[in-house]
Amino acid sequence: MSFEPMQQQVDDWITSHTHGYFPPLMMMARLTEELGELARAVSHKHGDKKPKPGEKEGDVAEELADLIFVAVCLANSEGIRLDDAWKGLMEKLYVRDAKRWK
């Protein structure tokens, strides 16, 4: 399992279809926007907030993919290798937090 192909695919798309990555604070704004759209879709599906008349129900998978795309853009623009970040997270969960949830 590796994030490298995903990061490369995002970078290829960005470099061939745009003028480059947005500045980090703009990407944070986009992440926040996408997270809000994901929250709305989850609420439509599982919560009390149903779509307004004429509004289509949000697609959880689509909104999650949008959020991941922007997160990968932020990682790429910051020079972050997500494989390394993920490895660090897993080590933290399995070592530092190993007894936390038992």
PDB file of N, CA and C in Angstrom:
ATOM      1  N   MET A   1       0.850  -1.172   0.000  1.00  0.00           N
ATOM      2  CA  MET A   1       0.000   0.000   0.000  1.00  0.00           C
ATOM      3  C   MET A   1       0.897   1.237   0.000  1.00  0.00           C
ATOM      4  N   SER A   2       0.598   2.170  -0.867  1.00  0.00           N
ATOM      5  CA  SER A   2       1.417   3.369  -0.961  1.00  0.00           C
ATOM      6  C   SER A   2       0.588   4.551  -1.450  1.00  0.00           C
ATOM      7  N   PHE A   3       0.872   5.705  -0.863  1.00  0.00           N
ATOM      8  CA  PHE A   3       0.252   6.950  -1.319  1.00  0.00           C
ATOM      9  C   PHE A   3       1.000   7.553  -2.506  1.00  0.00           C
ATOM     10  N   GLU A   4       2.224   7.072  -2.740  1.00  0.00           N
ATOM     11  CA  GLU A   4       3.073   7.666  -3.786  1.00  0.00           C
ATOM     12  C   GLU A   4       2.377   7.765  -5.146  1.00  0.00           C
ATOM     13  N   PRO A   5       1.725   6.698  -5.639  1.00  0.00           N
ATOM     14  CA  PRO A   5       1.051   6.828  -6.944  1.00  0.00           C
ATOM     15  C   PRO A   5      -0.058   7.885  -6.928  1.00  0.00           C
ATOM     16  N   MET A   6      -0.775   7.968  -5.814  1.00  0.00           N
ATOM     17  CA  MET A   6      -1.829   8.980  -5.702  1.00  0.00           C
ATOM     18  C   MET A   6      -1.216  10.375  -5.716  1.00  0.00           C
ATOM     19  N   GLN A   7      -0.146  10.564  -4.970  1.00  0.00           N
ATOM     20  CA  GLN A   7       0.498  11.874  -4.939  1.00  0.00           C
ATOM     21  C   GLN A   7       1.033  12.242  -6.321  1.00  0.00           C
ATOM     22  N   GLN A   8       1.583  11.268  -7.028  1.00  0.00           N
ATOM     23  CA  GLN A   8       2.097  11.540  -8.373  1.00  0.00           C
ATOM     24  C   GLN A   8       0.962  11.875  -9.334  1.00  0.00           C
ATOM     25  N   GLN A   9      -0.128  11.133  -9.251  1.00  0.00           N
ATOM     26  CA  GLN A   9      -1.272  11.385 -10.136  1.00  0.00           C
ATOM     27  C   GLN A   9      -1.842  12.782  -9.903  1.00  0.00           C
ATOM     28  N   VAL A  10      -1.964  13.186  -8.654  1.00  0.00           N
ATOM     29  CA  VAL A  10      -2.453  14.530  -8.343  1.00  0.00           C
ATOM     30  C   VAL A  10      -1.480  15.571  -8.892  1.00  0.00           C
ATOM     31  N   ASP A  11      -0.180  15.363  -8.682  1.00  0.00           N
ATOM     32  CA  ASP A  11       0.808  16.321  -9.178  1.00  0.00           C
ATOM     33  C   ASP A  11       0.779  16.413 -10.698  1.00  0.00           C
ATOM     34  N   ASP A  12       0.653  15.270 -11.371  1.00  0.00           N
ATOM     35  CA  ASP A  12       0.552  15.281 -12.839  1.00  0.00           C
ATOM     36  C   ASP A  12      -0.651  16.091 -13.300  1.00  0.00           C
ATOM     37  N   TRP A  13      -1.787  15.913 -12.628  1.00  0.00           N
ATOM     38  CA  TRP A  13      -2.992  16.646 -13.014  1.00  0.00           C
ATOM     39  C   TRP A  13      -2.817  18.147 -12.764  1.00  0.00           C
ATOM     40  N   ILE A  14      -2.301  18.481 -11.588  1.00  0.00           N
ATOM     41  CA  ILE A  14      -2.106  19.897 -11.239  1.00  0.00           C
ATOM     42  C   ILE A  14      -1.170  20.571 -12.233  1.00  0.00           C
ATOM     43  N   THR A  15      -0.051  19.928 -12.564  1.00  0.00           N
ATOM     44  CA  THR A  15       0.930  20.563 -13.444  1.00  0.00           C
ATOM     45  C   THR A  15       0.457  20.642 -14.892  1.00  0.00           C
ATOM     46  N   SER A  16      -0.460  19.766 -15.298  1.00  0.00           N
ATOM     47  CA  SER A  16      -0.918  19.805 -16.688  1.00  0.00           C
ATOM     48  C   SER A  16      -2.241  20.546 -16.885  1.00  0.00           C
ATOM     49  N   HIS A  17      -2.979  20.815 -15.805  1.00  0.00           N
ATOM     50  CA  HIS A  17      -4.292  21.447 -15.954  1.00  0.00           C
ATOM     51  C   HIS A  17      -4.443  22.780 -15.221  1.00  0.00           C
ATOM     52  N   THR A  18      -3.464  23.161 -14.422  1.00  0.00           N
ATOM     53  CA  THR A  18      -3.586  24.411 -13.654  1.00  0.00           C
ATOM     54  C   THR A  18      -2.263  25.171 -13.723  1.00  0.00           C
ATOM     55  N   HIS A  19      -2.236  26.301 -13.049  1.00  0.00           N
ATOM     56  CA  HIS A  19      -1.009  27.112 -12.962  1.00  0.00           C
ATOM     57  C   HIS A  19      -0.180  26.721 -11.744  1.00  0.00           C
ATOM     58  N   GLY A  20      -0.560  25.656 -11.076  1.00  0.00           N
ATOM     59  CA  GLY A  20       0.172  25.203  -9.894  1.00  0.00           C
ATOM     60  C   GLY A  20      -0.745  25.108  -8.687  1.00  0.00           C
ATOM     61  N   TYR A  21      -0.155  24.721  -7.591  1.00  0.00           N
ATOM     62  CA  TYR A  21      -0.915  24.553  -6.360  1.00  0.00           C
ATOM     63  C   TYR A  21      -1.333  25.904  -5.797  1.00  0.00           C
ATOM     64  N   PHE A  22      -2.492  25.916  -5.137  1.00  0.00           N
ATOM     65  CA  PHE A  22      -2.914  27.109  -4.398  1.00  0.00           C
ATOM     66  C   PHE A  22      -1.961  27.316  -3.228  1.00  0.00           C
ATOM     67  N   PRO A  23      -1.870  28.530  -2.713  1.00  0.00           N
ATOM     68  CA  PRO A  23      -1.086  28.754  -1.492  1.00  0.00           C
ATOM     69  C   PRO A  23      -1.693  27.941  -0.336  1.00  0.00           C
ATOM     70  N   PRO A  24      -0.883  27.603   0.660  1.00  0.00           N
ATOM     71  CA  PRO A  24      -1.358  26.746   1.758  1.00  0.00           C
ATOM     72  C   PRO A  24      -2.630  27.235   2.453  1.00  0.00           C
ATOM     73  N   LEU A  25      -2.743  28.516   2.724  1.00  0.00           N
ATOM     74  CA  LEU A  25      -3.946  28.991   3.412  1.00  0.00           C
ATOM     75  C   LEU A  25      -5.190  28.854   2.539  1.00  0.00           C
ATOM     76  N   MET A  26      -5.040  29.013   1.236  1.00  0.00           N
ATOM     77  CA  MET A  26      -6.167  28.795   0.325  1.00  0.00           C
ATOM     78  C   MET A  26      -6.563  27.326   0.327  1.00  0.00           C
ATOM     79  N   MET A  27      -5.573  26.442   0.375  1.00  0.00           N
ATOM     80  CA  MET A  27      -5.897  25.015   0.426  1.00  0.00           C
ATOM     81  C   MET A  27      -6.580  24.663   1.745  1.00  0.00           C
ATOM     82  N   MET A  28      -6.203  25.317   2.825  1.00  0.00           N
ATOM     83  CA  MET A  28      -6.901  25.085   4.093  1.00  0.00           C
ATOM     84  C   MET A  28      -8.362  25.518   3.973  1.00  0.00           C
ATOM     85  N   ALA A  29      -8.592  26.633   3.295  1.00  0.00           N
ATOM     86  CA  ALA A  29      -9.971  27.074   3.076  1.00  0.00           C
ATOM     87  C   ALA A  29     -10.726  26.051   2.237  1.00  0.00           C
ATOM     88  N   ARG A  30     -10.069  25.516   1.209  1.00  0.00           N
ATOM     89  CA  ARG A  30     -10.707  24.494   0.369  1.00  0.00           C
ATOM     90  C   ARG A  30     -10.956  23.208   1.145  1.00  0.00           C
ATOM     91  N   LEU A  31     -10.018  22.814   2.004  1.00  0.00           N
ATOM     92  CA  LEU A  31     -10.231  21.635   2.848  1.00  0.00           C
ATOM     93  C   LEU A  31     -11.443  21.827   3.757  1.00  0.00           C
ATOM     94  N   THR A  32     -11.542  23.014   4.319  1.00  0.00           N
ATOM     95  CA  THR A  32     -12.671  23.325   5.193  1.00  0.00           C
ATOM     96  C   THR A  32     -13.982  23.266   4.424  1.00  0.00           C
ATOM     97  N   GLU A  33     -13.981  23.813   3.223  1.00  0.00           N
ATOM     98  CA  GLU A  33     -15.175  23.774   2.370  1.00  0.00           C
ATOM     99  C   GLU A  33     -15.553  22.328   2.051  1.00  0.00           C
ATOM    100  N   GLU A  34     -14.577  21.525   1.662  1.00  0.00           N
ATOM    101  CA  GLU A  34     -14.860  20.129   1.318  1.00  0.00           C
ATOM    102  C   GLU A  34     -15.322  19.343   2.539  1.00  0.00           C
ATOM    103  N   LEU A  35     -14.752  19.634   3.703  1.00  0.00           N
ATOM    104  CA  LEU A  35     -15.181  18.961   4.926  1.00  0.00           C
ATOM    105  C   LEU A  35     -16.633  19.310   5.241  1.00  0.00           C
ATOM    106  N   GLY A  36     -16.998  20.569   5.020  1.00  0.00           N
ATOM    107  CA  GLY A  36     -18.387  20.976   5.219  1.00  0.00           C
ATOM    108  C   GLY A  36     -19.327  20.237   4.274  1.00  0.00           C
ATOM    109  N   GLU A  37     -18.913  20.084   3.023  1.00  0.00           N
ATOM    110  CA  GLU A  37     -19.738  19.358   2.057  1.00  0.00           C
ATOM    111  C   GLU A  37     -19.854  17.889   2.439  1.00  0.00           C
ATOM    112  N   LEU A  38     -18.777  17.305   2.959  1.00  0.00           N
ATOM    113  CA  LEU A  38     -18.829  15.924   3.425  1.00  0.00           C
ATOM    114  C   LEU A  38     -19.773  15.808   4.624  1.00  0.00           C
ATOM    115  N   ALA A  39     -19.664  16.744   5.542  1.00  0.00           N
ATOM    116  CA  ALA A  39     -20.541  16.728   6.718  1.00  0.00           C
ATOM    117  C   ALA A  39     -22.008  16.819   6.300  1.00  0.00           C
ATOM    118  N   ARG A  40     -22.302  17.656   5.334  1.00  0.00           N
ATOM    119  CA  ARG A  40     -23.676  17.798   4.848  1.00  0.00           C
ATOM    120  C   ARG A  40     -24.158  16.486   4.221  1.00  0.00           C
ATOM    121  N   ALA A  41     -23.317  15.846   3.418  1.00  0.00           N
ATOM    122  CA  ALA A  41     -23.699  14.584   2.787  1.00  0.00           C
ATOM    123  C   ALA A  41     -23.948  13.498   3.833  1.00  0.00           C
ATOM    124  N   VAL A  42     -23.086  13.421   4.850  1.00  0.00           N
ATOM    125  CA  VAL A  42     -23.271  12.430   5.913  1.00  0.00           C
ATOM    126  C   VAL A  42     -24.550  12.742   6.687  1.00  0.00           C
ATOM    127  N   SER A  43     -24.795  14.000   6.936  1.00  0.00           N
ATOM    128  CA  SER A  43     -26.016  14.398   7.632  1.00  0.00           C
ATOM    129  C   SER A  43     -27.258  14.060   6.817  1.00  0.00           C
ATOM    130  N   HIS A  44     -27.203  14.279   5.508  1.00  0.00           N
ATOM    131  CA  HIS A  44     -28.323  13.905   4.649  1.00  0.00           C
ATOM    132  C   HIS A  44     -28.599  12.407   4.752  1.00  0.00           C
ATOM    133  N   LYS A  45     -27.528  11.624   4.778  1.00  0.00           N
ATOM    134  CA  LYS A  45     -27.672  10.173   4.756  1.00  0.00           C
ATOM    135  C   LYS A  45     -28.029   9.589   6.118  1.00  0.00           C
ATOM    136  N   HIS A  46     -27.428  10.130   7.181  1.00  0.00           N
ATOM    137  CA  HIS A  46     -27.555   9.488   8.491  1.00  0.00           C
ATOM    138  C   HIS A  46     -28.166  10.378   9.567  1.00  0.00           C
ATOM    139  N   GLY A  47     -28.290  11.646   9.309  1.00  0.00           N
ATOM    140  CA  GLY A  47     -28.705  12.555  10.367  1.00  0.00           C
ATOM    141  C   GLY A  47     -30.109  13.096  10.188  1.00  0.00           C
ATOM    142  N   ASP A  48     -30.383  14.105  10.990  1.00  0.00           N
ATOM    143  CA  ASP A  48     -31.698  14.748  10.955  1.00  0.00           C
ATOM    144  C   ASP A  48     -31.799  15.803   9.864  1.00  0.00           C
ATOM    145  N   LYS A  49     -30.677  16.240   9.321  1.00  0.00           N
ATOM    146  CA  LYS A  49     -30.695  17.288   8.305  1.00  0.00           C
ATOM    147  C   LYS A  49     -30.868  16.657   6.931  1.00  0.00           C
ATOM    148  N   LYS A  50     -32.067  16.640   6.488  1.00  0.00           N
ATOM    149  CA  LYS A  50     -32.381  16.071   5.178  1.00  0.00           C
ATOM    150  C   LYS A  50     -32.260  17.166   4.120  1.00  0.00           C
ATOM    151  N   PRO A  51     -32.079  16.785   2.862  1.00  0.00           N
ATOM    152  CA  PRO A  51     -31.970  17.796   1.799  1.00  0.00           C
ATOM    153  C   PRO A  51     -33.214  18.683   1.731  1.00  0.00           C
ATOM    154  N   LYS A  52     -32.982  19.932   1.383  1.00  0.00           N
ATOM    155  CA  LYS A  52     -34.090  20.870   1.186  1.00  0.00           C
ATOM    156  C   LYS A  52     -34.863  20.453  -0.058  1.00  0.00           C
ATOM    157  N   PRO A  53     -36.109  20.891  -0.176  1.00  0.00           N
ATOM    158  CA  PRO A  53     -36.857  20.571  -1.393  1.00  0.00           C
ATOM    159  C   PRO A  53     -36.095  21.031  -2.641  1.00  0.00           C
ATOM    160  N   GLY A  54     -35.920  20.116  -3.585  1.00  0.00           N
ATOM    161  CA  GLY A  54     -35.197  20.427  -4.816  1.00  0.00           C
ATOM    162  C   GLY A  54     -33.695  20.227  -4.725  1.00  0.00           C
ATOM    163  N   GLU A  55     -33.165  20.025  -3.520  1.00  0.00           N
ATOM    164  CA  GLU A  55     -31.730  19.802  -3.328  1.00  0.00           C
ATOM    165  C   GLU A  55     -31.462  18.304  -3.378  1.00  0.00           C
ATOM    166  N   LYS A  56     -30.437  17.909  -4.142  1.00  0.00           N
ATOM    167  CA  LYS A  56     -30.122  16.478  -4.192  1.00  0.00           C
ATOM    168  C   LYS A  56     -29.310  16.091  -2.961  1.00  0.00           C
ATOM    169  N   GLU A  57     -29.496  14.858  -2.541  1.00  0.00           N
ATOM    170  CA  GLU A  57     -28.760  14.341  -1.392  1.00  0.00           C
ATOM    171  C   GLU A  57     -27.278  14.295  -1.730  1.00  0.00           C
ATOM    172  N   GLY A  58     -26.442  14.715  -0.795  1.00  0.00           N
ATOM    173  CA  GLY A  58     -25.004  14.691  -1.012  1.00  0.00           C
ATOM    174  C   GLY A  58     -24.487  13.272  -1.159  1.00  0.00           C
ATOM    175  N   ASP A  59     -23.422  13.128  -1.917  1.00  0.00           N
ATOM    176  CA  ASP A  59     -22.792  11.830  -2.158  1.00  0.00           C
ATOM    177  C   ASP A  59     -21.558  11.731  -1.260  1.00  0.00           C
ATOM    178  N   VAL A  60     -21.632  10.881  -0.243  1.00  0.00           N
ATOM    179  CA  VAL A  60     -20.554  10.770   0.738  1.00  0.00           C
ATOM    180  C   VAL A  60     -19.237  10.380   0.066  1.00  0.00           C
ATOM    181  N   ALA A  61     -19.271   9.405  -0.831  1.00  0.00           N
ATOM    182  CA  ALA A  61     -18.043   8.954  -1.499  1.00  0.00           C
ATOM    183  C   ALA A  61     -17.419  10.087  -2.315  1.00  0.00           C
ATOM    184  N   GLU A  62     -18.243  10.809  -3.046  1.00  0.00           N
ATOM    185  CA  GLU A  62     -17.728  11.914  -3.876  1.00  0.00           C
ATOM    186  C   GLU A  62     -17.113  13.005  -3.011  1.00  0.00           C
ATOM    187  N   GLU A  63     -17.780  13.347  -1.927  1.00  0.00           N
ATOM    188  CA  GLU A  63     -17.263  14.415  -1.056  1.00  0.00           C
ATOM    189  C   GLU A  63     -15.995  13.974  -0.333  1.00  0.00           C
ATOM    190  N   LEU A  64     -15.920  12.717   0.052  1.00  0.00           N
ATOM    191  CA  LEU A  64     -14.713  12.202   0.690  1.00  0.00           C
ATOM    192  C   LEU A  64     -13.542  12.222  -0.283  1.00  0.00           C
ATOM    193  N   ALA A  65     -13.794  11.844  -1.529  1.00  0.00           N
ATOM    194  CA  ALA A  65     -12.740  11.881  -2.554  1.00  0.00           C
ATOM    195  C   ALA A  65     -12.268  13.314  -2.791  1.00  0.00           C
ATOM    196  N   ASP A  66     -13.194  14.275  -2.827  1.00  0.00           N
ATOM    197  CA  ASP A  66     -12.819  15.685  -2.983  1.00  0.00           C
ATOM    198  C   ASP A  66     -11.908  16.126  -1.845  1.00  0.00           C
ATOM    199  N   LEU A  67     -12.253  15.744  -0.628  1.00  0.00           N
ATOM    200  CA  LEU A  67     -11.462  16.104   0.543  1.00  0.00           C
ATOM    201  C   LEU A  67     -10.063  15.496   0.454  1.00  0.00           C
ATOM    202  N   ILE A  68      -9.990  14.231   0.060  1.00  0.00           N
ATOM    203  CA  ILE A  68      -8.689  13.567  -0.076  1.00  0.00           C
ATOM    204  C   ILE A  68      -7.844  14.245  -1.142  1.00  0.00           C
ATOM    205  N   PHE A  69      -8.454  14.614  -2.274  1.00  0.00           N
ATOM    206  CA  PHE A  69      -7.713  15.285  -3.338  1.00  0.00           C
ATOM    207  C   PHE A  69      -7.060  16.565  -2.823  1.00  0.00           C
ATOM    208  N   VAL A  70      -7.817  17.375  -2.105  1.00  0.00           N
ATOM    209  CA  VAL A  70      -7.262  18.641  -1.605  1.00  0.00           C
ATOM    210  C   VAL A  70      -6.200  18.364  -0.546  1.00  0.00           C
ATOM    211  N   ALA A  71      -6.403  17.351   0.293  1.00  0.00           N
ATOM    212  CA  ALA A  71      -5.384  17.000   1.293  1.00  0.00           C
ATOM    213  C   ALA A  71      -4.086  16.568   0.615  1.00  0.00           C
ATOM    214  N   VAL A  72      -4.196  15.806  -0.470  1.00  0.00           N
ATOM    215  CA  VAL A  72      -3.005  15.385  -1.213  1.00  0.00           C
ATOM    216  C   VAL A  72      -2.344  16.599  -1.867  1.00  0.00           C
ATOM    217  N   CYS A  73      -3.138  17.522  -2.376  1.00  0.00           N
ATOM    218  CA  CYS A  73      -2.567  18.762  -2.926  1.00  0.00           C
ATOM    219  C   CYS A  73      -1.757  19.501  -1.866  1.00  0.00           C
ATOM    220  N   LEU A  74      -2.302  19.609  -0.663  1.00  0.00           N
ATOM    221  CA  LEU A  74      -1.594  20.294   0.420  1.00  0.00           C
ATOM    222  C   LEU A  74      -0.298  19.550   0.756  1.00  0.00           C
ATOM    223  N   ALA A  75      -0.375  18.236   0.852  1.00  0.00           N
ATOM    224  CA  ALA A  75       0.838  17.452   1.139  1.00  0.00           C
ATOM    225  C   ALA A  75       1.889  17.672   0.056  1.00  0.00           C
ATOM    226  N   ASN A  76       1.474  17.599  -1.194  1.00  0.00           N
ATOM    227  CA  ASN A  76       2.423  17.793  -2.297  1.00  0.00           C
ATOM    228  C   ASN A  76       3.061  19.170  -2.244  1.00  0.00           C
ATOM    229  N   SER A  77       2.246  20.183  -2.037  1.00  0.00           N
ATOM    230  CA  SER A  77       2.786  21.550  -2.050  1.00  0.00           C
ATOM    231  C   SER A  77       3.737  21.787  -0.887  1.00  0.00           C
ATOM    232  N   GLU A  78       3.565  21.039   0.196  1.00  0.00           N
ATOM    233  CA  GLU A  78       4.429  21.176   1.365  1.00  0.00           C
ATOM    234  C   GLU A  78       5.605  20.207   1.341  1.00  0.00           C
ATOM    235  N   GLY A  79       5.697  19.372   0.280  1.00  0.00           N
ATOM    236  CA  GLY A  79       6.788  18.417   0.180  1.00  0.00           C
ATOM    237  C   GLY A  79       6.673  17.265   1.177  1.00  0.00           C
ATOM    238  N   ILE A  80       5.462  16.951   1.564  1.00  0.00           N
ATOM    239  CA  ILE A  80       5.221  15.883   2.540  1.00  0.00           C
ATOM    240  C   ILE A  80       5.017  14.563   1.809  1.00  0.00           C
ATOM    241  N   ARG A  81       5.774  13.559   2.189  1.00  0.00           N
ATOM    242  CA  ARG A  81       5.567  12.208   1.658  1.00  0.00           C
ATOM    243  C   ARG A  81       4.543  11.532   2.558  1.00  0.00           C
ATOM    244  N   LEU A  82       3.355  11.321   2.030  1.00  0.00           N
ATOM    245  CA  LEU A  82       2.289  10.744   2.839  1.00  0.00           C
ATOM    246  C   LEU A  82       2.606   9.333   3.307  1.00  0.00           C
ATOM    247  N   ASP A  83       3.415   8.592   2.558  1.00  0.00           N
ATOM    248  CA  ASP A  83       3.824   7.265   3.017  1.00  0.00           C
ATOM    249  C   ASP A  83       4.557   7.374   4.355  1.00  0.00           C
ATOM    250  N   ASP A  84       5.453   8.347   4.466  1.00  0.00           N
ATOM    251  CA  ASP A  84       6.195   8.547   5.702  1.00  0.00           C
ATOM    252  C   ASP A  84       5.279   9.015   6.829  1.00  0.00           C
ATOM    253  N   ALA A  85       4.382   9.939   6.508  1.00  0.00           N
ATOM    254  CA  ALA A  85       3.450  10.446   7.517  1.00  0.00           C
ATOM    255  C   ALA A  85       2.537   9.326   8.017  1.00  0.00           C
ATOM    256  N   TRP A  86       2.053   8.487   7.092  1.00  0.00           N
ATOM    257  CA  TRP A  86       1.182   7.374   7.466  1.00  0.00           C
ATOM    258  C   TRP A  86       1.920   6.370   8.347  1.00  0.00           C
ATOM    259  N   LYS A  87       3.164   6.074   7.986  1.00  0.00           N
ATOM    260  CA  LYS A  87       3.974   5.145   8.779  1.00  0.00           C
ATOM    261  C   LYS A  87       4.126   5.672  10.204  1.00  0.00           C
ATOM    262  N   GLY A  88       4.389   6.960  10.324  1.00  0.00           N
ATOM    263  CA  GLY A  88       4.517   7.569  11.650  1.00  0.00           C
ATOM    264  C   GLY A  88       3.221   7.483  12.439  1.00  0.00           C
ATOM    265  N   LEU A  89       2.104   7.697  11.777  1.00  0.00           N
ATOM    266  CA  LEU A  89       0.802   7.595  12.441  1.00  0.00           C
ATOM    267  C   LEU A  89       0.563   6.175  12.942  1.00  0.00           C
ATOM    268  N   MET A  90       0.821   5.190  12.091  1.00  0.00           N
ATOM    269  CA  MET A  90       0.587   3.802  12.472  1.00  0.00           C
ATOM    270  C   MET A  90       1.487   3.388  13.639  1.00  0.00           C
ATOM    271  N   GLU A  91       2.745   3.831  13.615  1.00  0.00           N
ATOM    272  CA  GLU A  91       3.641   3.537  14.731  1.00  0.00           C
ATOM    273  C   GLU A  91       3.111   4.156  16.016  1.00  0.00           C
ATOM    274  N   LYS A  92       2.628   5.381  15.920  1.00  0.00           N
ATOM    275  CA  LYS A  92       2.074   6.066  17.092  1.00  0.00           C
ATOM    276  C   LYS A  92       0.870   5.290  17.625  1.00  0.00           C
ATOM    277  N   LEU A  93      -0.012   4.862  16.739  1.00  0.00           N
ATOM    278  CA  LEU A  93      -1.212   4.147  17.182  1.00  0.00           C
ATOM    279  C   LEU A  93      -0.884   2.793  17.793  1.00  0.00           C
ATOM    280  N   TYR A  94       0.045   2.065  17.169  1.00  0.00           N
ATOM    281  CA  TYR A  94       0.347   0.719  17.643  1.00  0.00           C
ATOM    282  C   TYR A  94       1.335   0.690  18.807  1.00  0.00           C
ATOM    283  N   VAL A  95       2.126   1.739  18.977  1.00  0.00           N
ATOM    284  CA  VAL A  95       3.112   1.741  20.052  1.00  0.00           C
ATOM    285  C   VAL A  95       2.646   2.639  21.196  1.00  0.00           C
ATOM    286  N   ARG A  96       2.576   3.919  20.958  1.00  0.00           N
ATOM    287  CA  ARG A  96       2.233   4.869  22.021  1.00  0.00           C
ATOM    288  C   ARG A  96       0.822   4.650  22.547  1.00  0.00           C
ATOM    289  N   ASP A  97      -0.118   4.418  21.633  1.00  0.00           N
ATOM    290  CA  ASP A  97      -1.519   4.302  22.028  1.00  0.00           C
ATOM    291  C   ASP A  97      -1.994   2.853  22.127  1.00  0.00           C
ATOM    292  N   ALA A  98      -1.068   1.893  22.172  1.00  0.00           N
ATOM    293  CA  ALA A  98      -1.426   0.476  22.112  1.00  0.00           C
ATOM    294  C   ALA A  98      -2.412   0.066  23.207  1.00  0.00           C
ATOM    295  N   LYS A  99      -2.256   0.595  24.408  1.00  0.00           N
ATOM    296  CA  LYS A  99      -3.110   0.183  25.529  1.00  0.00           C
ATOM    297  C   LYS A  99      -4.215   1.197  25.810  1.00  0.00           C
ATOM    298  N   ARG A 100      -4.232   2.246  25.045  1.00  0.00           N
ATOM    299  CA  ARG A 100      -5.187   3.329  25.279  1.00  0.00           C
ATOM    300  C   ARG A 100      -6.634   2.890  25.103  1.00  0.00           C
ATOM    301  N   TRP A 101      -6.904   2.029  24.187  1.00  0.00           N
ATOM    302  CA  TRP A 101      -8.285   1.677  23.830  1.00  0.00           C
ATOM    303  C   TRP A 101      -8.709   0.323  24.387  1.00  0.00           C
ATOM    304  N   LYS A 102      -7.914  -0.250  25.257  1.00  0.00           N
ATOM    305  CA  LYS A 102      -8.274  -1.572  25.810  1.00  0.00           C
ATOM    306  C   LYS A 102      -8.990  -1.430  27.108  1.00  0.00           C
TER     307      LYS A 102
END
